Amino acid sequence: MTSPNGSIGSPLANAIGYGCWHVARLLVARGARVDELWQAAAMGMLSRVEELLAAGATADDINHAFWQACHGGQRRAAERLLNAGADLDYSPGYVSGETAAESLAGLDTRRQTMVTWLGERAGTPAAEG
C-alpha cells in the first residue's frame, strides 16, 4: 500500500487527500502505514502524531498537518499541532489560499465544533452550518 499509484501518491494519501475518510480508515485497518505527520493528523491518530513530532517535524510539516487535521475534523490533533506552533493562516499551495478555517466551509455535523473552535482562536465569528 505504499507505492504511489494515484494523483497524490499512495492509496492512503489519496483517500485522505480526497476526504474519503471511511476508505482511509479501512486502509489503515488493513495495514497501510501512516508515515507522514499530515496523514496521522488527518486521521486523528494522536499517538502517531506525537511519534512523528518527536522524530522531528519542520514548521511546514506542522502547518500542513494542522490544516489536514482541521480538514478531517480532528480537533484534538489540531489542538496539539496548534500548541506545537502551527500557523492558523497557513494554506497548502494546492488549495488556492484556503486556510484551515475556510476548509471547513462544506460543513457536516462533525465539523461544526471545529469551526467554532478555530473561530474562537482566530477571533472571527464561527460560520453557521
N, C-alpha and C. Protein backbone atom coordinates (compact mmCIF):
# COMPACT_ATOMS: atom_id res chain seq x y z
N MET A 1 0.81 -1.20 0.00
CA MET A 1 0.00 0.00 0.00
C MET A 1 0.85 1.26 0.00
N THR A 2 2.11 1.14 -0.29
CA THR A 2 2.95 2.33 -0.24
C THR A 2 3.42 2.81 -1.60
N SER A 3 3.15 2.07 -2.65
CA SER A 3 3.61 2.55 -3.95
C SER A 3 2.69 3.65 -4.49
N PRO A 4 3.29 4.73 -5.00
CA PRO A 4 2.46 5.83 -5.50
C PRO A 4 1.76 5.45 -6.80
N ASN A 5 0.46 5.31 -6.71
CA ASN A 5 -0.33 4.95 -7.89
C ASN A 5 -1.36 6.00 -8.24
N GLY A 6 -1.67 6.86 -7.32
CA GLY A 6 -2.73 7.83 -7.55
C GLY A 6 -2.18 9.21 -7.79
N SER A 7 -3.07 10.16 -7.92
CA SER A 7 -2.66 11.53 -8.23
C SER A 7 -1.94 12.19 -7.06
N ILE A 8 -2.16 11.75 -5.85
CA ILE A 8 -1.47 12.32 -4.69
C ILE A 8 -0.29 11.43 -4.31
N GLY A 9 -0.45 10.16 -4.41
CA GLY A 9 0.60 9.23 -4.03
C GLY A 9 0.00 7.88 -3.71
N SER A 10 0.24 7.42 -2.51
CA SER A 10 -0.25 6.10 -2.10
C SER A 10 -1.77 6.09 -2.00
N PRO A 11 -2.36 4.90 -1.97
CA PRO A 11 -3.81 4.84 -1.79
C PRO A 11 -4.28 5.56 -0.53
N LEU A 12 -3.51 5.46 0.56
CA LEU A 12 -3.88 6.16 1.79
C LEU A 12 -3.82 7.67 1.59
N ALA A 13 -2.76 8.15 0.96
CA ALA A 13 -2.65 9.59 0.71
C ALA A 13 -3.80 10.08 -0.16
N ASN A 14 -4.18 9.29 -1.14
CA ASN A 14 -5.32 9.66 -1.99
C ASN A 14 -6.61 9.70 -1.20
N ALA A 15 -6.86 8.68 -0.39
CA ALA A 15 -8.10 8.63 0.39
C ALA A 15 -8.20 9.83 1.31
N ILE A 16 -7.13 10.16 1.99
CA ILE A 16 -7.13 11.31 2.90
C ILE A 16 -7.25 12.60 2.10
N GLY A 17 -6.45 12.73 1.07
CA GLY A 17 -6.45 13.96 0.27
C GLY A 17 -7.80 14.30 -0.32
N TYR A 18 -8.56 13.27 -0.67
CA TYR A 18 -9.87 13.50 -1.26
C TYR A 18 -11.00 13.38 -0.24
N GLY A 19 -10.63 13.28 1.04
CA GLY A 19 -11.65 13.25 2.10
C GLY A 19 -12.47 11.99 2.14
N CYS A 20 -11.91 10.88 1.70
CA CYS A 20 -12.61 9.59 1.75
C CYS A 20 -12.23 8.90 3.06
N TRP A 21 -12.80 9.40 4.13
CA TRP A 21 -12.38 9.01 5.49
C TRP A 21 -12.64 7.54 5.79
N HIS A 22 -13.74 7.00 5.34
CA HIS A 22 -14.02 5.58 5.59
C HIS A 22 -13.01 4.70 4.86
N VAL A 23 -12.67 5.05 3.65
CA VAL A 23 -11.67 4.30 2.88
C VAL A 23 -10.31 4.41 3.58
N ALA A 24 -9.96 5.59 4.04
CA ALA A 24 -8.68 5.78 4.73
C ALA A 24 -8.60 4.91 5.98
N ARG A 25 -9.68 4.89 6.76
CA ARG A 25 -9.68 4.06 7.97
C ARG A 25 -9.59 2.57 7.62
N LEU A 26 -10.26 2.17 6.57
CA LEU A 26 -10.20 0.77 6.14
C LEU A 26 -8.77 0.42 5.70
N LEU A 27 -8.13 1.31 4.95
CA LEU A 27 -6.76 1.05 4.52
C LEU A 27 -5.83 0.89 5.72
N VAL A 28 -5.98 1.76 6.72
CA VAL A 28 -5.14 1.66 7.93
C VAL A 28 -5.43 0.36 8.66
N ALA A 29 -6.71 0.02 8.77
CA ALA A 29 -7.08 -1.23 9.44
C ALA A 29 -6.51 -2.45 8.72
N ARG A 30 -6.31 -2.32 7.41
CA ARG A 30 -5.78 -3.42 6.60
C ARG A 30 -4.26 -3.37 6.48
N GLY A 31 -3.62 -2.46 7.21
CA GLY A 31 -2.17 -2.46 7.28
C GLY A 31 -1.44 -1.32 6.59
N ALA A 32 -2.15 -0.35 6.03
CA ALA A 32 -1.46 0.79 5.41
C ALA A 32 -0.65 1.52 6.47
N ARG A 33 0.57 1.86 6.12
CA ARG A 33 1.44 2.59 7.06
C ARG A 33 1.12 4.07 7.03
N VAL A 34 1.13 4.66 8.20
CA VAL A 34 0.91 6.10 8.35
C VAL A 34 2.27 6.70 8.70
N ASP A 35 2.99 7.11 7.65
CA ASP A 35 4.37 7.57 7.83
C ASP A 35 4.52 9.09 7.77
N GLU A 36 3.45 9.78 7.47
CA GLU A 36 3.52 11.23 7.32
C GLU A 36 2.69 11.89 8.43
N LEU A 37 3.22 12.98 8.98
CA LEU A 37 2.53 13.71 10.04
C LEU A 37 1.16 14.17 9.57
N TRP A 38 1.05 14.65 8.33
CA TRP A 38 -0.23 15.15 7.84
C TRP A 38 -1.27 14.04 7.76
N GLN A 39 -0.83 12.81 7.46
CA GLN A 39 -1.75 11.69 7.40
C GLN A 39 -2.25 11.33 8.80
N ALA A 40 -1.33 11.25 9.74
CA ALA A 40 -1.71 10.92 11.12
C ALA A 40 -2.66 11.97 11.69
N ALA A 41 -2.38 13.24 11.40
CA ALA A 41 -3.23 14.32 11.90
C ALA A 41 -4.62 14.27 11.29
N ALA A 42 -4.69 14.06 9.98
CA ALA A 42 -5.98 14.00 9.30
C ALA A 42 -6.83 12.84 9.80
N MET A 43 -6.18 11.78 10.24
CA MET A 43 -6.88 10.60 10.74
C MET A 43 -7.15 10.68 12.24
N GLY A 44 -6.59 11.70 12.90
CA GLY A 44 -6.79 11.84 14.34
C GLY A 44 -6.03 10.81 15.16
N MET A 45 -4.92 10.34 14.63
CA MET A 45 -4.11 9.32 15.30
C MET A 45 -3.10 10.02 16.21
N LEU A 46 -3.55 10.39 17.42
CA LEU A 46 -2.75 11.23 18.30
C LEU A 46 -1.42 10.61 18.71
N SER A 47 -1.40 9.33 19.00
CA SER A 47 -0.12 8.74 19.40
C SER A 47 0.87 8.76 18.24
N ARG A 48 0.38 8.56 17.02
CA ARG A 48 1.26 8.62 15.85
C ARG A 48 1.70 10.06 15.59
N VAL A 49 0.81 11.02 15.81
CA VAL A 49 1.18 12.43 15.69
C VAL A 49 2.33 12.73 16.65
N GLU A 50 2.22 12.27 17.89
CA GLU A 50 3.28 12.51 18.89
C GLU A 50 4.60 11.88 18.45
N GLU A 51 4.54 10.64 17.95
CA GLU A 51 5.76 9.97 17.48
C GLU A 51 6.43 10.75 16.36
N LEU A 52 5.63 11.20 15.41
CA LEU A 52 6.19 11.91 14.25
C LEU A 52 6.70 13.30 14.63
N LEU A 53 6.04 13.95 15.58
CA LEU A 53 6.55 15.23 16.08
C LEU A 53 7.89 15.02 16.78
N ALA A 54 7.97 13.98 17.61
CA ALA A 54 9.20 13.70 18.35
C ALA A 54 10.36 13.33 17.42
N ALA A 55 10.03 12.75 16.26
CA ALA A 55 11.06 12.36 15.30
C ALA A 55 11.64 13.57 14.57
N GLY A 56 11.00 14.72 14.75
CA GLY A 56 11.48 15.95 14.12
C GLY A 56 10.57 16.36 12.99
N ALA A 57 9.89 17.46 13.17
CA ALA A 57 8.98 17.97 12.15
C ALA A 57 9.32 19.44 11.90
N THR A 58 9.32 19.81 10.65
CA THR A 58 9.57 21.21 10.30
C THR A 58 8.31 22.03 10.57
N ALA A 59 8.46 23.33 10.55
CA ALA A 59 7.30 24.22 10.70
C ALA A 59 6.29 23.96 9.58
N ASP A 60 6.78 23.71 8.37
CA ASP A 60 5.88 23.43 7.25
C ASP A 60 5.14 22.11 7.47
N ASP A 61 5.84 21.10 8.00
CA ASP A 61 5.19 19.82 8.31
C ASP A 61 4.05 20.03 9.31
N ILE A 62 4.33 20.81 10.34
CA ILE A 62 3.34 21.07 11.40
C ILE A 62 2.16 21.85 10.83
N ASN A 63 2.44 22.86 10.04
CA ASN A 63 1.36 23.65 9.43
C ASN A 63 0.48 22.80 8.53
N HIS A 64 1.10 22.00 7.69
CA HIS A 64 0.35 21.14 6.77
C HIS A 64 -0.49 20.12 7.55
N ALA A 65 0.10 19.54 8.58
CA ALA A 65 -0.62 18.57 9.41
C ALA A 65 -1.79 19.25 10.11
N PHE A 66 -1.60 20.48 10.58
CA PHE A 66 -2.69 21.23 11.22
C PHE A 66 -3.83 21.43 10.23
N TRP A 67 -3.50 21.87 9.02
CA TRP A 67 -4.53 22.09 8.00
C TRP A 67 -5.30 20.80 7.74
N GLN A 68 -4.57 19.70 7.60
CA GLN A 68 -5.21 18.41 7.33
C GLN A 68 -6.05 17.94 8.52
N ALA A 69 -5.59 18.17 9.74
CA ALA A 69 -6.39 17.80 10.92
C ALA A 69 -7.71 18.56 10.92
N CYS A 70 -7.65 19.83 10.59
CA CYS A 70 -8.88 20.63 10.53
C CYS A 70 -9.77 20.14 9.40
N HIS A 71 -9.19 19.89 8.25
CA HIS A 71 -9.94 19.39 7.10
C HIS A 71 -10.63 18.07 7.43
N GLY A 72 -9.97 17.25 8.24
CA GLY A 72 -10.52 15.96 8.63
C GLY A 72 -11.42 16.03 9.85
N GLY A 73 -11.61 17.22 10.41
CA GLY A 73 -12.46 17.35 11.59
C GLY A 73 -11.86 16.75 12.85
N GLN A 74 -10.55 16.75 12.94
CA GLN A 74 -9.84 16.12 14.06
C GLN A 74 -9.37 17.19 15.05
N ARG A 75 -10.26 17.60 15.92
CA ARG A 75 -9.97 18.71 16.83
C ARG A 75 -8.78 18.44 17.75
N ARG A 76 -8.70 17.27 18.35
CA ARG A 76 -7.59 17.01 19.28
C ARG A 76 -6.25 17.09 18.57
N ALA A 77 -6.18 16.53 17.39
CA ALA A 77 -4.93 16.61 16.62
C ALA A 77 -4.64 18.06 16.26
N ALA A 78 -5.66 18.80 15.86
CA ALA A 78 -5.47 20.21 15.51
C ALA A 78 -4.99 21.00 16.72
N GLU A 79 -5.57 20.75 17.88
CA GLU A 79 -5.14 21.44 19.10
C GLU A 79 -3.68 21.14 19.41
N ARG A 80 -3.29 19.88 19.29
CA ARG A 80 -1.90 19.50 19.57
C ARG A 80 -0.94 20.21 18.63
N LEU A 81 -1.31 20.27 17.36
CA LEU A 81 -0.45 20.91 16.37
C LEU A 81 -0.43 22.42 16.53
N LEU A 82 -1.54 23.00 16.93
CA LEU A 82 -1.57 24.43 17.21
C LEU A 82 -0.64 24.74 18.38
N ASN A 83 -0.66 23.88 19.39
CA ASN A 83 0.24 24.04 20.54
C ASN A 83 1.70 23.84 20.14
N ALA A 84 1.93 23.11 19.05
CA ALA A 84 3.30 22.88 18.56
C ALA A 84 3.76 24.02 17.65
N GLY A 85 2.90 25.03 17.46
CA GLY A 85 3.30 26.19 16.70
C GLY A 85 2.67 26.35 15.34
N ALA A 86 1.65 25.58 15.03
CA ALA A 86 1.00 25.69 13.71
C ALA A 86 0.46 27.11 13.51
N ASP A 87 0.48 27.53 12.27
CA ASP A 87 0.01 28.85 11.86
C ASP A 87 -1.46 28.76 11.44
N LEU A 88 -2.33 29.48 12.13
CA LEU A 88 -3.76 29.48 11.80
C LEU A 88 -4.03 29.90 10.35
N ASP A 89 -3.18 30.72 9.79
CA ASP A 89 -3.40 31.25 8.45
C ASP A 89 -2.69 30.47 7.35
N TYR A 90 -2.06 29.35 7.72
CA TYR A 90 -1.37 28.53 6.72
C TYR A 90 -2.36 27.98 5.70
N SER A 91 -1.91 27.91 4.47
CA SER A 91 -2.70 27.32 3.39
C SER A 91 -1.78 26.52 2.49
N PRO A 92 -2.07 25.23 2.30
CA PRO A 92 -1.23 24.48 1.36
C PRO A 92 -1.41 25.02 -0.04
N GLY A 93 -0.38 25.00 -0.82
CA GLY A 93 -0.40 25.57 -2.15
C GLY A 93 -1.43 24.97 -3.09
N TYR A 94 -1.87 23.77 -2.81
CA TYR A 94 -2.80 23.10 -3.72
C TYR A 94 -4.27 23.43 -3.47
N VAL A 95 -4.56 24.34 -2.53
CA VAL A 95 -5.96 24.69 -2.25
C VAL A 95 -6.26 26.16 -2.47
N SER A 96 -5.48 26.83 -3.24
CA SER A 96 -5.73 28.22 -3.64
C SER A 96 -5.95 29.16 -2.46
N GLY A 97 -5.07 29.12 -1.49
CA GLY A 97 -5.12 30.07 -0.39
C GLY A 97 -6.13 29.77 0.69
N GLU A 98 -6.72 28.61 0.69
CA GLU A 98 -7.74 28.24 1.67
C GLU A 98 -7.11 27.90 3.01
N THR A 99 -7.47 28.66 4.05
CA THR A 99 -6.96 28.38 5.39
C THR A 99 -7.71 27.18 5.99
N ALA A 100 -7.24 26.74 7.15
CA ALA A 100 -7.88 25.61 7.83
C ALA A 100 -9.35 25.93 8.12
N ALA A 101 -9.61 27.13 8.62
CA ALA A 101 -11.00 27.51 8.92
C ALA A 101 -11.84 27.52 7.65
N GLU A 102 -11.28 28.00 6.56
CA GLU A 102 -12.02 28.06 5.30
C GLU A 102 -12.26 26.67 4.71
N SER A 103 -11.38 25.72 5.05
CA SER A 103 -11.55 24.36 4.54
C SER A 103 -12.80 23.70 5.12
N LEU A 104 -13.31 24.28 6.17
CA LEU A 104 -14.49 23.73 6.84
C LEU A 104 -15.79 24.27 6.26
N ALA A 105 -15.73 25.01 5.18
CA ALA A 105 -16.93 25.64 4.61
C ALA A 105 -17.98 24.63 4.20
N GLY A 106 -17.58 23.49 3.71
CA GLY A 106 -18.54 22.44 3.36
C GLY A 106 -18.83 21.60 4.58
N LEU A 107 -19.55 22.17 5.51
CA LEU A 107 -19.75 21.56 6.81
C LEU A 107 -20.58 20.29 6.78
N ASP A 108 -20.22 19.41 7.67
CA ASP A 108 -21.10 18.35 8.08
C ASP A 108 -21.19 18.47 9.60
N THR A 109 -21.97 17.68 10.25
CA THR A 109 -22.18 17.87 11.69
C THR A 109 -20.90 17.68 12.50
N ARG A 110 -19.97 16.88 12.01
CA ARG A 110 -18.73 16.66 12.76
C ARG A 110 -17.81 17.87 12.69
N ARG A 111 -17.95 18.69 11.70
CA ARG A 111 -17.02 19.81 11.53
C ARG A 111 -17.47 21.08 12.24
N GLN A 112 -18.70 21.19 12.64
CA GLN A 112 -19.16 22.42 13.27
C GLN A 112 -18.36 22.76 14.52
N THR A 113 -18.01 21.76 15.33
CA THR A 113 -17.20 22.04 16.51
C THR A 113 -15.84 22.58 16.14
N MET A 114 -15.28 22.13 15.02
CA MET A 114 -14.00 22.65 14.55
C MET A 114 -14.13 24.11 14.13
N VAL A 115 -15.21 24.45 13.44
CA VAL A 115 -15.43 25.84 13.01
C VAL A 115 -15.50 26.76 14.23
N THR A 116 -16.26 26.35 15.21
CA THR A 116 -16.41 27.16 16.43
C THR A 116 -15.07 27.31 17.13
N TRP A 117 -14.36 26.21 17.30
CA TRP A 117 -13.08 26.22 17.99
C TRP A 117 -12.07 27.11 17.27
N LEU A 118 -11.93 26.96 15.94
CA LEU A 118 -10.98 27.79 15.20
C LEU A 118 -11.39 29.26 15.22
N GLY A 119 -12.69 29.52 15.12
CA GLY A 119 -13.17 30.89 15.17
C GLY A 119 -12.80 31.57 16.47
N GLU A 120 -12.90 30.84 17.57
CA GLU A 120 -12.54 31.40 18.88
C GLU A 120 -11.05 31.74 18.94
N ARG A 121 -10.22 30.90 18.34
CA ARG A 121 -8.78 31.14 18.39
C ARG A 121 -8.34 32.24 17.43
N ALA A 122 -9.02 32.34 16.31
CA ALA A 122 -8.64 33.35 15.32
C ALA A 122 -9.34 34.67 15.57
N GLY A 123 -10.29 34.70 16.50
CA GLY A 123 -11.01 35.93 16.80
C GLY A 123 -12.03 36.30 15.74
N THR A 124 -12.51 35.28 15.02
CA THR A 124 -13.53 35.53 13.99
C THR A 124 -14.78 34.79 14.37
N PRO A 125 -15.92 35.29 13.93
CA PRO A 125 -17.16 34.59 14.24
C PRO A 125 -17.21 33.24 13.54
N ALA A 126 -17.84 32.27 14.20
CA ALA A 126 -17.96 30.94 13.63
C ALA A 126 -18.97 30.95 12.49
N ALA A 127 -18.67 30.16 11.48
CA ALA A 127 -19.59 30.02 10.35
C ALA A 127 -20.82 29.26 10.80
N GLU A 128 -21.92 29.56 10.20
CA GLU A 128 -23.14 28.85 10.52
C GLU A 128 -23.24 27.64 9.61
N GLY A 129 -23.68 26.52 10.19
CA GLY A 129 -23.76 25.31 9.39
C GLY A 129 -25.03 24.58 9.61
